[in-house]
Protein backbone atom coordinates (compact mmCIF):
# COMPACT_ATOMS: atom_id res chain seq x y z
CA UNK A 1 44.13 107.51 98.38
CA UNK A 2 42.66 106.27 95.28
CA UNK A 3 40.34 108.50 93.17
CA UNK A 4 36.56 108.32 93.60
CA UNK A 5 36.15 106.31 90.35
CA UNK A 6 38.79 103.81 91.63
CA UNK A 7 36.90 103.73 95.00
CA UNK A 8 33.72 103.00 93.15
CA UNK A 9 35.25 100.14 91.33
CA UNK A 10 36.63 98.66 94.53
CA UNK A 11 33.16 98.82 96.10
CA UNK A 12 31.80 96.93 93.06
CA UNK A 13 34.70 94.19 93.45
CA UNK A 14 34.64 94.06 97.15
CA UNK A 15 32.37 91.03 97.11
CA UNK A 16 34.75 89.31 94.84
CA UNK A 17 37.67 90.24 96.84
CA UNK A 18 36.05 88.76 100.13
CA UNK A 19 35.90 85.31 98.51
CA UNK A 20 39.50 84.26 99.41
CA UNK A 21 38.89 85.66 103.04
CA UNK A 22 35.83 83.52 103.13
CA UNK A 23 37.78 80.63 102.09
CA UNK A 24 40.47 81.38 104.65
CA UNK A 25 37.68 81.49 107.26
CA UNK A 26 36.69 78.02 106.54
CA UNK A 27 40.00 76.77 106.19
CA UNK A 28 40.90 78.29 109.67
CA UNK A 29 37.85 76.57 111.20
CA UNK A 30 38.73 73.19 109.76
CA UNK A 31 42.41 73.72 110.78
CA UNK A 32 41.38 74.51 114.47
CA UNK A 33 39.07 71.55 114.53
CA UNK A 34 41.38 68.81 112.87
CA UNK A 35 44.75 70.20 113.62
CA UNK A 36 44.37 70.18 117.43
CA UNK A 37 41.99 67.39 118.15
CA UNK A 38 42.37 64.83 120.89
CA UNK A 39 43.97 61.54 119.90
CA UNK A 40 41.74 59.00 121.37
CA UNK A 41 43.26 55.75 122.76
CA UNK A 42 42.04 52.53 121.35
CA UNK A 43 40.08 50.22 123.64
CA UNK A 44 42.16 47.01 124.62
CA UNK A 45 40.63 43.85 123.40
CA UNK A 46 39.01 41.72 126.23
CA UNK A 47 41.07 39.10 127.70
CA UNK A 48 40.04 35.48 128.62
CA UNK A 49 39.58 34.74 132.32
CA UNK A 50 42.59 33.36 133.87
CA UNK A 51 43.09 29.73 134.60
CA UNK A 52 42.99 28.45 138.03
CA UNK A 53 46.26 29.03 139.75
CA UNK A 54 47.34 31.57 137.14
CA UNK A 55 48.60 34.76 139.05
CA UNK A 56 49.49 36.73 135.83
CA UNK A 57 46.03 38.52 135.84
CA UNK A 58 45.55 38.75 139.58
CA UNK A 59 47.14 40.77 142.26
CA UNK A 60 48.66 37.64 143.73
CA UNK A 61 52.42 37.23 143.75
CA UNK A 62 53.46 33.61 142.78
CA UNK A 63 56.21 33.88 145.47
CA UNK A 64 53.48 34.68 148.16
CA UNK A 65 51.71 37.63 149.23
CA UNK A 66 50.08 40.32 147.21
CA UNK A 67 51.70 42.78 144.59
CA UNK A 68 51.92 46.38 145.33
CA UNK A 69 48.76 48.25 144.52
CA UNK A 70 49.00 50.33 141.24
CA UNK A 71 49.45 54.10 141.44
CA UNK A 72 46.32 56.11 141.59
CA UNK A 73 45.74 57.90 138.21
CA UNK A 74 46.44 61.63 138.42
CA UNK A 75 43.16 63.62 138.44
CA UNK A 76 42.50 65.98 135.50
CA UNK A 77 42.45 69.68 136.25
CA UNK A 78 40.03 70.45 133.49
CA UNK A 79 36.95 68.16 132.91
CA UNK A 80 35.13 70.36 130.23
CA UNK A 81 35.90 73.53 128.12
CA UNK A 82 34.14 76.93 128.87
CA UNK A 83 30.58 76.53 128.03
CA UNK A 84 30.34 79.98 126.57
CA UNK A 85 33.58 80.44 124.70
CA UNK A 86 32.31 83.92 123.16
CA UNK A 87 32.54 85.28 126.73
CA UNK A 88 36.12 84.32 127.07
CA UNK A 89 37.51 87.36 125.66
CA UNK A 90 36.85 90.92 127.22
CA UNK A 91 34.78 93.22 124.95
CA UNK A 92 37.72 95.72 124.90
CA UNK A 93 40.09 93.00 123.40
CA UNK A 94 37.68 92.09 120.64
CA UNK A 95 37.19 95.64 119.80
CA UNK A 96 40.90 96.22 119.47
CA UNK A 97 41.63 93.28 117.46
CA UNK A 98 38.48 93.24 115.30
CA UNK A 99 37.12 96.75 115.10
CA UNK A 100 33.56 96.88 114.37
CA UNK A 101 32.87 93.22 115.36
CA UNK A 102 29.98 92.34 117.64
CA UNK A 103 31.41 91.56 121.05
CA UNK A 104 29.25 88.46 121.61
CA UNK A 105 30.76 86.64 118.62
CA UNK A 106 29.56 83.62 116.64
CA UNK A 107 29.95 80.23 118.56
CA UNK A 108 30.83 77.26 116.60
CA UNK A 109 29.35 73.95 117.39
CA UNK A 110 31.60 71.09 117.80
CA UNK A 111 30.58 67.40 117.37
CA UNK A 112 31.92 66.67 120.84
CA UNK A 113 30.91 69.80 122.79
CA UNK A 114 31.88 68.17 126.01
CA UNK A 115 35.52 68.34 124.89
CA UNK A 116 35.59 71.31 122.49
CA UNK A 117 34.16 74.75 122.29
CA UNK A 118 35.05 77.72 120.07
CA UNK A 119 33.99 81.22 119.11
CA UNK A 120 34.94 83.66 116.13
CA UNK A 121 34.55 87.34 115.50
CA UNK A 122 34.99 89.07 112.11
CA UNK A 123 34.46 92.50 110.66
CA UNK A 124 35.28 94.77 107.79
CA UNK A 125 36.18 98.18 109.03
CA UNK A 126 36.40 100.46 106.01
CA UNK A 127 38.69 98.44 103.94
CA UNK A 128 40.44 96.59 106.72
CA UNK A 129 39.14 92.98 107.36
CA UNK A 130 40.04 91.06 110.57
CA UNK A 131 39.12 87.55 111.59
CA UNK A 132 39.67 85.96 115.06
CA UNK A 133 38.77 82.42 116.49
CA UNK A 134 39.26 81.08 120.02
CA UNK A 135 39.14 77.39 120.38
CA UNK A 136 39.32 75.20 123.54
CA UNK A 137 40.09 71.51 123.51
CA UNK A 138 40.23 69.31 126.73
CA UNK A 139 42.37 66.19 126.56
CA UNK A 140 41.52 62.96 128.39
CA UNK A 141 44.87 62.67 130.00
CA UNK A 142 47.09 65.23 131.92
CA UNK A 143 50.13 66.10 129.84
CA UNK A 144 48.62 64.60 126.76
CA UNK A 145 49.30 66.16 123.41
CA UNK A 146 46.89 66.90 120.59
CA UNK A 147 46.92 64.54 117.54
CA UNK A 148 49.87 65.45 115.16
CA UNK A 149 51.90 67.43 117.81
CA UNK A 150 53.02 70.88 116.91
CA UNK A 151 52.01 72.31 113.57
CA UNK A 152 54.72 72.40 110.91
CA UNK A 153 56.76 75.53 110.97
CA UNK A 154 55.74 76.49 114.61
CA UNK A 155 57.95 78.38 116.86
CA UNK A 156 58.00 78.00 120.79
CA UNK A 157 56.60 80.74 122.75
CA UNK A 158 57.90 81.33 126.35
CA UNK A 159 55.75 82.26 129.40
CA UNK A 160 52.45 81.21 128.12
CA UNK A 161 50.71 78.10 129.80
CA UNK A 162 52.76 75.10 130.24
CA UNK A 163 53.93 75.20 126.60
CA UNK A 164 53.02 77.25 123.63
CA UNK A 165 53.83 77.75 120.01
CA UNK A 166 53.13 80.20 117.20
CA UNK A 167 52.95 79.67 113.49
CA UNK A 168 52.64 82.58 110.90
CA UNK A 169 52.13 82.58 107.17
CA UNK A 170 51.40 85.00 104.39
CA UNK A 171 49.14 84.00 101.41
CA UNK A 172 48.21 85.69 98.05
CA UNK A 173 45.16 84.81 96.09
CA UNK A 174 43.91 86.99 93.17
CA UNK A 175 46.55 89.72 94.08
CA UNK A 176 44.99 89.82 97.63
CA UNK A 177 47.36 89.21 100.47
CA UNK A 178 46.29 87.66 103.94
CA UNK A 179 48.43 87.43 106.85
CA UNK A 180 47.61 84.89 109.61
CA UNK A 181 49.13 83.71 113.02
CA UNK A 182 48.07 80.68 115.03
CA UNK A 183 49.02 80.50 118.59
CA UNK A 184 48.59 77.08 120.37
CA UNK A 185 48.82 76.98 124.21
CA UNK A 186 48.63 73.85 126.43
CA UNK A 187 47.88 74.27 130.21
CA UNK A 188 47.73 70.62 131.83
CA UNK A 189 45.07 68.77 129.91
CA UNK A 190 43.64 71.88 128.18
CA UNK A 191 44.54 73.28 124.80
CA UNK A 192 43.63 76.82 123.62
CA UNK A 193 44.13 77.87 119.91
CA UNK A 194 43.97 81.40 118.75
CA UNK A 195 43.84 82.13 115.19
CA UNK A 196 44.06 85.80 113.95
CA UNK A 197 44.18 87.06 110.44
CA UNK A 198 43.68 90.22 108.29
CA UNK A 199 43.80 91.94 104.90
CA UNK A 200 43.47 95.25 103.47
CA UNK A 201 40.94 95.47 100.51
CA UNK A 202 41.98 98.90 99.42
CA UNK A 203 45.31 98.10 98.17
CA UNK A 204 45.37 94.36 98.34
CA UNK A 205 48.11 94.22 100.92
CA UNK A 206 48.27 92.43 104.27
CA UNK A 207 48.66 93.81 107.81
CA UNK A 208 52.20 93.88 109.22
CA UNK A 209 53.64 90.78 110.65
CA UNK A 210 54.05 92.22 114.03
CA UNK A 211 50.54 93.34 114.34
CA UNK A 212 49.08 89.94 113.41
CA UNK A 213 51.61 88.15 115.60
CA UNK A 214 51.03 90.27 118.72
CA UNK A 215 47.14 90.13 118.17
CA UNK A 216 47.15 86.36 118.20
CA UNK A 217 49.27 86.39 121.35
CA UNK A 218 47.10 88.77 122.94
CA UNK A 219 43.93 86.75 122.23
CA UNK A 220 45.73 83.65 123.63
CA UNK A 221 46.62 85.33 126.87
CA UNK A 222 43.14 86.83 127.28
CA UNK A 223 41.47 83.40 126.63
CA UNK A 224 43.53 81.58 129.33
CA UNK A 225 41.58 82.80 132.36
CA UNK A 226 38.24 81.41 131.03
CA UNK A 227 39.41 77.79 131.80
CA UNK A 228 39.15 78.47 135.68
């Protein structure tokens, strides 16, 4: 434990120390929004009306009879994300992962709220800072993939949704370490992204890799039931 004078100095510099975390928070929001967004198909150009006798654009078979009807599109399991993403996680889970945070969280408005919703929680408990974000994205086709595919450096996670990955990294800025883990889960046409990070402002260190990794996985698992 540092001396009282050292602690006083830390209190004075705490605001400055929070700057990299604030930057990371913004970066995490941008990453969740842009890194897992839906790739929208382009509209096909209009075609001219078929000439008389032209069977290429009709259901008629030139050899006689009708062509087989096209297959019926597979219905989407999810038509919209949870309307209240801040209610997705149990209060006990929030309290465990982000001690001192308000359980109701802070909703983040998306430009396309019909397809995307998200909520974040953050708190400074003594010198320990934690930040958690849960984001939901609804894709327009079953089995579709977010634009860009899996994040670079992501590792597969078994037994979570239809498919899942986790990406971890440690950053250092102004002698302050911040560790973060991002879990991306796909369940049919829905994608959940759980981002969890933390830092210790007393000695400038980051939490252990296991703590942050398991925290992100716990949040992702807890967020899945809110889809139904």
